[in-house]
Amino acid sequence: MGIVKIDDDLHEEARRASTVMCRSINAQAEFWMKIGMLAEANPTLSFNEIVKMQFAAANVHVADLTAA
């Protein structure tokens, strides 16, 4: 594990977002980094598609509310 230096404003945004998402600041930053890395590697996928694929990879079953 290492230390990553980020801009103070970005750190504050991560702190605010972590409160809303019920994550630690580190977990929020890690989430953003992971999603960003996946988005760069898969530029044709939307954020929602990436998250859906991550849920599937972790065997998380989320109800599809649009299939009514």
C-alpha atoms as a PDB file:
ATOM      1  CA  MET A   1       0.000   0.000   0.000  1.00  0.00           C
ATOM      2  CA  GLY A   2       1.275   3.461  -0.806  1.00  0.00           C
ATOM      3  CA  ILE A   3       0.463   7.097  -0.342  1.00  0.00           C
ATOM      4  CA  VAL A   4      -1.137   9.071  -3.162  1.00  0.00           C
ATOM      5  CA  LYS A   5      -0.892  12.867  -3.177  1.00  0.00           C
ATOM      6  CA  ILE A   6      -4.041  14.542  -4.454  1.00  0.00           C
ATOM      7  CA  ASP A   7      -5.141  18.146  -4.720  1.00  0.00           C
ATOM      8  CA  ASP A   8      -6.774  19.567  -1.581  1.00  0.00           C
ATOM      9  CA  ASP A   9      -9.966  20.446  -3.488  1.00  0.00           C
ATOM     10  CA  LEU A  10     -10.261  16.891  -4.825  1.00  0.00           C
ATOM     11  CA  HIS A  11      -9.720  15.533  -1.312  1.00  0.00           C
ATOM     12  CA  GLU A  12     -12.553  17.729  -0.069  1.00  0.00           C
ATOM     13  CA  GLU A  13     -14.832  16.477  -2.861  1.00  0.00           C
ATOM     14  CA  ALA A  14     -13.948  12.885  -1.936  1.00  0.00           C
ATOM     15  CA  ARG A  15     -14.756  13.662   1.702  1.00  0.00           C
ATOM     16  CA  ARG A  16     -18.158  15.092   0.771  1.00  0.00           C
ATOM     17  CA  ALA A  17     -18.953  12.228  -1.604  1.00  0.00           C
ATOM     18  CA  SER A  18     -17.857   9.646   0.963  1.00  0.00           C
ATOM     19  CA  THR A  19     -20.398  11.025   3.428  1.00  0.00           C
ATOM     20  CA  VAL A  20     -23.213  10.714   0.907  1.00  0.00           C
ATOM     21  CA  MET A  21     -22.133   7.232  -0.225  1.00  0.00           C
ATOM     22  CA  CYS A  22     -21.468   5.946   3.335  1.00  0.00           C
ATOM     23  CA  ARG A  23     -17.832   5.153   2.516  1.00  0.00           C
ATOM     24  CA  SER A  24     -14.564   6.203   4.070  1.00  0.00           C
ATOM     25  CA  ILE A  25     -12.638   8.881   2.197  1.00  0.00           C
ATOM     26  CA  ASN A  26     -10.112   6.234   1.142  1.00  0.00           C
ATOM     27  CA  ALA A  27     -12.867   3.883  -0.055  1.00  0.00           C
ATOM     28  CA  GLN A  28     -14.452   6.733  -2.063  1.00  0.00           C
ATOM     29  CA  ALA A  29     -11.134   7.605  -3.698  1.00  0.00           C
ATOM     30  CA  GLU A  30     -10.488   3.933  -4.438  1.00  0.00           C
ATOM     31  CA  PHE A  31     -13.967   3.596  -6.001  1.00  0.00           C
ATOM     32  CA  TRP A  32     -13.364   6.625  -8.218  1.00  0.00           C
ATOM     33  CA  MET A  33      -9.953   5.288  -9.273  1.00  0.00           C
ATOM     34  CA  LYS A  34     -11.325   1.830 -10.063  1.00  0.00           C
ATOM     35  CA  ILE A  35     -14.295   3.160 -12.061  1.00  0.00           C
ATOM     36  CA  GLY A  36     -12.023   5.632 -13.859  1.00  0.00           C
ATOM     37  CA  MET A  37      -9.555   2.899 -14.771  1.00  0.00           C
ATOM     38  CA  LEU A  38     -12.375   0.677 -16.064  1.00  0.00           C
ATOM     39  CA  ALA A  39     -13.878   3.606 -18.003  1.00  0.00           C
ATOM     40  CA  GLU A  40     -10.532   4.331 -19.684  1.00  0.00           C
ATOM     41  CA  ALA A  41     -10.119   0.668 -20.590  1.00  0.00           C
ATOM     42  CA  ASN A  42     -13.726   0.431 -21.866  1.00  0.00           C
ATOM     43  CA  PRO A  43     -14.582   3.836 -23.357  1.00  0.00           C
ATOM     44  CA  THR A  44     -17.796   2.642 -25.002  1.00  0.00           C
ATOM     45  CA  LEU A  45     -19.383   1.585 -21.696  1.00  0.00           C
ATOM     46  CA  SER A  46     -21.460   3.929 -19.548  1.00  0.00           C
ATOM     47  CA  PHE A  47     -20.944   4.311 -15.815  1.00  0.00           C
ATOM     48  CA  ASN A  48     -24.093   2.251 -15.203  1.00  0.00           C
ATOM     49  CA  GLU A  49     -22.870  -0.531 -17.490  1.00  0.00           C
ATOM     50  CA  ILE A  50     -19.531  -0.647 -15.680  1.00  0.00           C
ATOM     51  CA  VAL A  51     -21.209  -0.823 -12.272  1.00  0.00           C
ATOM     52  CA  LYS A  52     -23.621  -3.509 -13.503  1.00  0.00           C
ATOM     53  CA  MET A  53     -20.687  -5.587 -14.764  1.00  0.00           C
ATOM     54  CA  GLN A  54     -18.895  -5.167 -11.422  1.00  0.00           C
ATOM     55  CA  PHE A  55     -22.004  -6.350  -9.559  1.00  0.00           C
ATOM     56  CA  ALA A  56     -22.245  -9.366 -11.846  1.00  0.00           C
ATOM     57  CA  ALA A  57     -18.555 -10.189 -11.358  1.00  0.00           C
ATOM     58  CA  ALA A  58     -19.111 -10.121  -7.577  1.00  0.00           C
ATOM     59  CA  ASN A  59     -22.281 -12.257  -7.872  1.00  0.00           C
ATOM     60  CA  VAL A  60     -24.440  -9.433  -6.553  1.00  0.00           C
ATOM     61  CA  HIS A  61     -28.021  -9.796  -7.767  1.00  0.00           C
ATOM     62  CA  VAL A  62     -29.842  -6.487  -8.099  1.00  0.00           C
ATOM     63  CA  ALA A  63     -33.537  -6.368  -8.922  1.00  0.00           C
ATOM     64  CA  ASP A  64     -34.295  -4.921 -12.355  1.00  0.00           C
ATOM     65  CA  LEU A  65     -37.050  -2.387 -11.665  1.00  0.00           C
ATOM     66  CA  THR A  66     -37.512  -1.658 -15.388  1.00  0.00           C
ATOM     67  CA  ALA A  67     -38.589  -5.232 -16.214  1.00  0.00           C
ATOM     68  CA  ALA A  68     -42.228  -4.729 -15.317  1.00  0.00           C
END
